[in-house]
C-alpha atoms as a PDB file:
ATOM      1  CA  MET A   1     -59.635  21.817  79.674  1.00  0.00           C
ATOM      2  CA  THR A   2     -58.118  18.757  78.324  1.00  0.00           C
ATOM      3  CA  THR A   3     -54.782  17.636  79.009  1.00  0.00           C
ATOM      4  CA  ALA A   4     -52.257  15.300  76.886  1.00  0.00           C
ATOM      5  CA  THR A   5     -50.457  12.692  78.293  1.00  0.00           C
ATOM      6  CA  MET A   6     -47.859  10.550  77.009  1.00  0.00           C
ATOM      7  CA  ASP A   7     -47.065   6.833  78.250  1.00  0.00           C
ATOM      8  CA  LYS A   8     -43.405   7.357  77.101  1.00  0.00           C
ATOM      9  CA  SER A   9     -41.250  10.173  77.163  1.00  0.00           C
ATOM     10  CA  ILE A  10     -39.179  11.062  74.353  1.00  0.00           C
ATOM     11  CA  ASP A  11     -35.445  10.750  73.955  1.00  0.00           C
ATOM     12  CA  PHE A  12     -34.129  13.509  71.641  1.00  0.00           C
ATOM     13  CA  LEU A  13     -30.946  12.373  72.087  1.00  0.00           C
ATOM     14  CA  THR A  14     -31.393   9.020  70.541  1.00  0.00           C
ATOM     15  CA  PRO A  15     -32.669   9.179  66.603  1.00  0.00           C
ATOM     16  CA  ASN A  16     -35.935   8.260  66.174  1.00  0.00           C
ATOM     17  CA  GLY A  17     -36.277   4.507  65.511  1.00  0.00           C
ATOM     18  CA  PHE A  18     -32.885   3.333  66.393  1.00  0.00           C
ATOM     19  CA  SER A  19     -32.347   1.774  69.664  1.00  0.00           C
ATOM     20  CA  ARG A  20     -28.733   2.085  71.661  1.00  0.00           C
ATOM     21  CA  PRO A  21     -27.596  -0.968  73.799  1.00  0.00           C
ATOM     22  CA  ALA A  22     -27.847  -0.528  77.458  1.00  0.00           C
ATOM     23  CA  SER A  23     -23.759  -0.667  77.518  1.00  0.00           C
ATOM     24  CA  PHE A  24     -23.485   2.297  75.698  1.00  0.00           C
ATOM     25  CA  ASP A  25     -25.082   4.125  78.777  1.00  0.00           C
ATOM     26  CA  VAL A  26     -22.811   2.406  81.256  1.00  0.00           C
ATOM     27  CA  ILE A  27     -19.645   2.982  78.655  1.00  0.00           C
ATOM     28  CA  TRP A  28     -20.660   6.770  78.158  1.00  0.00           C
ATOM     29  CA  ASP A  29     -21.182   7.675  81.795  1.00  0.00           C
ATOM     30  CA  ASN A  30     -17.773   5.685  82.584  1.00  0.00           C
ATOM     31  CA  ILE A  31     -15.738   7.771  80.112  1.00  0.00           C
ATOM     32  CA  LEU A  32     -17.633  11.070  81.109  1.00  0.00           C
ATOM     33  CA  SER A  33     -16.439  10.248  84.838  1.00  0.00           C
ATOM     34  CA  LYS A  34     -12.748  10.229  84.391  1.00  0.00           C
ATOM     35  CA  ASN A  35     -10.567  13.102  84.414  1.00  0.00           C
ATOM     36  CA  TYR A  36      -8.874  13.318  81.240  1.00  0.00           C
ATOM     37  CA  THR A  37      -6.312  15.908  80.495  1.00  0.00           C
ATOM     38  CA  GLN A  38      -6.746  18.519  78.063  1.00  0.00           C
ATOM     39  CA  SER A  39      -5.271  17.512  74.527  1.00  0.00           C
ATOM     40  CA  ARG A  40      -2.740  19.695  73.123  1.00  0.00           C
ATOM     41  CA  SER A  41      -4.283  22.317  70.419  1.00  0.00           C
ATOM     42  CA  PHE A  42      -3.002  23.419  67.408  1.00  0.00           C
ATOM     43  CA  SER A  43      -1.944  26.893  68.897  1.00  0.00           C
ATOM     44  CA  SER A  44       0.470  25.471  71.163  1.00  0.00           C
ATOM     45  CA  ASP A  45       2.226  23.219  68.608  1.00  0.00           C
ATOM     46  CA  ILE A  46       2.762  26.610  66.469  1.00  0.00           C
ATOM     47  CA  THR A  47       3.843  28.424  69.355  1.00  0.00           C
ATOM     48  CA  ASN A  48       6.292  25.469  70.206  1.00  0.00           C
ATOM     49  CA  ALA A  49       7.504  25.772  66.415  1.00  0.00           C
ATOM     50  CA  LEU A  50       8.127  29.645  66.748  1.00  0.00           C
ATOM     51  CA  ASN A  51       9.921  29.567  69.765  1.00  0.00           C
ATOM     52  CA  PHE A  52      12.283  27.138  68.594  1.00  0.00           C
ATOM     53  CA  LEU A  53      12.950  29.012  65.559  1.00  0.00           C
ATOM     54  CA  ARG A  54      13.434  32.219  67.816  1.00  0.00           C
ATOM     55  CA  LYS A  55      15.791  30.076  69.980  1.00  0.00           C
ATOM     56  CA  LYS A  56      17.875  29.246  66.660  1.00  0.00           C
ATOM     57  CA  GLY A  57      17.881  33.198  66.026  1.00  0.00           C
ATOM     58  CA  VAL A  58      15.140  33.761  63.470  1.00  0.00           C
ATOM     59  CA  GLU A  59      13.511  36.887  63.436  1.00  0.00           C
ATOM     60  CA  ILE A  60       9.801  36.398  63.209  1.00  0.00           C
ATOM     61  CA  GLU A  61       8.199  39.127  61.521  1.00  0.00           C
ATOM     62  CA  ASP A  62       4.117  39.775  62.019  1.00  0.00           C
ATOM     63  CA  ASP A  63       3.833  37.148  64.691  1.00  0.00           C
ATOM     64  CA  ILE A  64      -0.021  36.809  64.233  1.00  0.00           C
ATOM     65  CA  SER A  65      -0.617  36.650  60.713  1.00  0.00           C
ATOM     66  CA  VAL A  66       2.426  33.641  60.876  1.00  0.00           C
ATOM     67  CA  GLU A  67       0.498  32.049  63.241  1.00  0.00           C
ATOM     68  CA  ASP A  68      -2.844  32.540  61.579  1.00  0.00           C
ATOM     69  CA  PHE A  69      -1.208  31.055  58.250  1.00  0.00           C
ATOM     70  CA  LEU A  70       0.363  28.003  60.336  1.00  0.00           C
ATOM     71  CA  THR A  71      -3.103  27.358  61.743  1.00  0.00           C
ATOM     72  CA  ASN A  72      -4.393  26.890  58.049  1.00  0.00           C
ATOM     73  CA  ASN A  73      -1.184  24.964  56.827  1.00  0.00           C
ATOM     74  CA  TYR A  74      -0.472  23.065  59.870  1.00  0.00           C
ATOM     75  CA  GLY A  75       1.271  20.386  58.245  1.00  0.00           C
ATOM     76  CA  MET A  76       3.938  22.655  57.228  1.00  0.00           C
ATOM     77  CA  LEU A  77       5.172  22.693  61.074  1.00  0.00           C
ATOM     78  CA  ALA A  78       7.354  19.578  61.089  1.00  0.00           C
ATOM     79  CA  TYR A  79       9.485  20.963  58.346  1.00  0.00           C
ATOM     80  CA  LEU A  80       9.861  24.438  60.190  1.00  0.00           C
ATOM     81  CA  TYR A  81      12.158  22.697  62.634  1.00  0.00           C
ATOM     82  CA  ASP A  82      14.488  21.556  59.888  1.00  0.00           C
ATOM     83  CA  VAL A  83      15.043  25.111  58.302  1.00  0.00           C
ATOM     84  CA  PRO A  84      17.805  26.653  60.417  1.00  0.00           C
ATOM     85  CA  LYS A  85      20.058  23.663  60.224  1.00  0.00           C
ATOM     86  CA  LYS A  86      19.364  23.305  56.459  1.00  0.00           C
ATOM     87  CA  VAL A  87      19.839  27.242  55.606  1.00  0.00           C
ATOM     88  CA  PHE A  88      23.133  26.778  58.202  1.00  0.00           C
ATOM     89  CA  ASP A  89      24.232  23.821  56.193  1.00  0.00           C
ATOM     90  CA  TYR A  90      24.321  25.978  52.750  1.00  0.00           C
ATOM     91  CA  PHE A  91      25.078  29.320  54.096  1.00  0.00           C
ATOM     92  CA  GLY A  92      26.643  29.138  57.390  1.00  0.00           C
ATOM     93  CA  ASP A  93      25.256  30.981  60.777  1.00  0.00           C
ATOM     94  CA  VAL A  94      23.568  33.883  58.862  1.00  0.00           C
ATOM     95  CA  PRO A  95      20.850  35.987  59.908  1.00  0.00           C
ATOM     96  CA  LEU A  96      17.069  34.562  58.960  1.00  0.00           C
ATOM     97  CA  LYS A  97      13.780  36.427  59.035  1.00  0.00           C
ATOM     98  CA  PHE A  98      10.509  34.219  59.057  1.00  0.00           C
ATOM     99  CA  SER A  99       7.563  36.242  57.374  1.00  0.00           C
ATOM    100  CA  LEU A 100       4.552  35.937  55.449  1.00  0.00           C
ATOM    101  CA  PHE A 101       3.738  37.549  52.233  1.00  0.00           C
ATOM    102  CA  SER A 102       0.020  38.023  50.933  1.00  0.00           C
ATOM    103  CA  ASP A 103      -1.207  39.378  47.395  1.00  0.00           C
ATOM    104  CA  PRO A 104      -3.964  41.484  48.114  1.00  0.00           C
ATOM    105  CA  ASP A 105      -4.669  41.897  44.387  1.00  0.00           C
ATOM    106  CA  GLY A 106      -4.346  37.984  43.841  1.00  0.00           C
ATOM    107  CA  GLN A 107      -7.173  35.418  43.818  1.00  0.00           C
ATOM    108  CA  ASP A 108      -8.166  33.142  46.689  1.00  0.00           C
ATOM    109  CA  ASN A 109      -6.016  35.369  49.352  1.00  0.00           C
ATOM    110  CA  PHE A 110      -3.169  33.548  48.322  1.00  0.00           C
ATOM    111  CA  GLN A 111      -0.448  33.431  50.789  1.00  0.00           C
ATOM    112  CA  GLN A 112       3.053  31.971  51.507  1.00  0.00           C
ATOM    113  CA  VAL A 113       5.330  32.115  54.040  1.00  0.00           C
ATOM    114  CA  PHE A 114       9.531  33.384  53.420  1.00  0.00           C
ATOM    115  CA  PHE A 115      12.560  32.763  55.069  1.00  0.00           C
ATOM    116  CA  GLU A 116      14.685  35.422  54.138  1.00  0.00           C
ATOM    117  CA  ILE A 117      18.380  34.488  54.281  1.00  0.00           C
ATOM    118  CA  GLN A 118      20.999  37.283  54.574  1.00  0.00           C
ATOM    119  CA  THR A 119      24.006  36.738  53.109  1.00  0.00           C
ATOM    120  CA  ASN A 120      27.275  38.473  52.447  1.00  0.00           C
ATOM    121  CA  LEU A 121      27.826  36.181  49.239  1.00  0.00           C
ATOM    122  CA  SER A 122      28.192  37.397  45.688  1.00  0.00           C
ATOM    123  CA  PRO A 123      24.990  36.775  43.977  1.00  0.00           C
ATOM    124  CA  GLU A 124      25.910  34.219  41.977  1.00  0.00           C
ATOM    125  CA  LYS A 125      27.238  32.336  44.897  1.00  0.00           C
ATOM    126  CA  ALA A 126      24.401  32.934  46.951  1.00  0.00           C
ATOM    127  CA  ASN A 127      21.757  31.597  44.171  1.00  0.00           C
ATOM    128  CA  GLU A 128      24.137  28.777  43.416  1.00  0.00           C
ATOM    129  CA  LYS A 129      23.648  27.598  47.300  1.00  0.00           C
ATOM    130  CA  LEU A 130      20.039  28.133  47.311  1.00  0.00           C
ATOM    131  CA  SER A 131      19.459  26.481  44.389  1.00  0.00           C
ATOM    132  CA  GLN A 132      21.016  23.478  45.871  1.00  0.00           C
ATOM    133  CA  LEU A 133      19.321  23.868  49.104  1.00  0.00           C
ATOM    134  CA  ASN A 134      15.815  23.724  46.965  1.00  0.00           C
ATOM    135  CA  ARG A 135      17.157  20.607  44.786  1.00  0.00           C
ATOM    136  CA  ASN A 136      18.764  18.693  47.848  1.00  0.00           C
ATOM    137  CA  TRP A 137      16.266  19.164  50.103  1.00  0.00           C
ATOM    138  CA  LEU A 138      13.005  21.086  49.401  1.00  0.00           C
ATOM    139  CA  LEU A 139      11.985  19.730  45.884  1.00  0.00           C
ATOM    140  CA  LYS A 140      12.855  15.789  47.571  1.00  0.00           C
ATOM    141  CA  ILE A 141       9.783  16.674  49.896  1.00  0.00           C
ATOM    142  CA  GLU A 142       6.494  15.000  48.167  1.00  0.00           C
ATOM    143  CA  ASP A 143       3.981  16.889  50.330  1.00  0.00           C
ATOM    144  CA  LYS A 144       1.646  19.815  49.450  1.00  0.00           C
ATOM    145  CA  ASP A 145       1.976  21.702  52.834  1.00  0.00           C
ATOM    146  CA  ILE A 146       5.770  22.342  51.697  1.00  0.00           C
ATOM    147  CA  TYR A 147       4.592  24.236  48.588  1.00  0.00           C
ATOM    148  CA  SER A 148       3.908  27.265  50.393  1.00  0.00           C
ATOM    149  CA  LEU A 149       7.198  27.657  52.019  1.00  0.00           C
ATOM    150  CA  ASN A 150       9.863  29.660  49.963  1.00  0.00           C
ATOM    151  CA  PHE A 151      13.085  31.311  50.414  1.00  0.00           C
ATOM    152  CA  SER A 152      14.304  34.668  49.380  1.00  0.00           C
ATOM    153  CA  LEU A 153      17.573  36.306  49.367  1.00  0.00           C
ATOM    154  CA  ASN A 154      18.542  39.855  50.927  1.00  0.00           C
ATOM    155  CA  PHE A 155      22.294  40.778  49.928  1.00  0.00           C
ATOM    156  CA  ALA A 156      24.129  42.627  53.030  1.00  0.00           C
END
């Protein structure tokens, strides 16, 4: 029987042909030994934004789908905090509903979120206010994440 022996063990964690300084091991052990608090996750930020909207009286339709959408469009979260105030500035204290629209027949699983504004205004007046909201706020934002945020009117 023949036994093969190696003079030096192979460190599979270090790429072959590269050396790492001894200080790396000291720093790495120091980092691992500290008790770090866990960082906030995307889901907690999304939950906070949705809870904020609920506190402002916004009805959220199909929470799970909306959360999934926001996970994939995380940059939109910051704007959600502004929506209730902006809508109330133009329409007064009106009911708002936040929902997701998906086009199952569309390409690339196209999705957008909508804030549905329920109003008693005439269609002409409501459309005028919605145009002002779009021109004065939404269209001035130069961020691609805002392109999936829409407003619709529901006449009571």
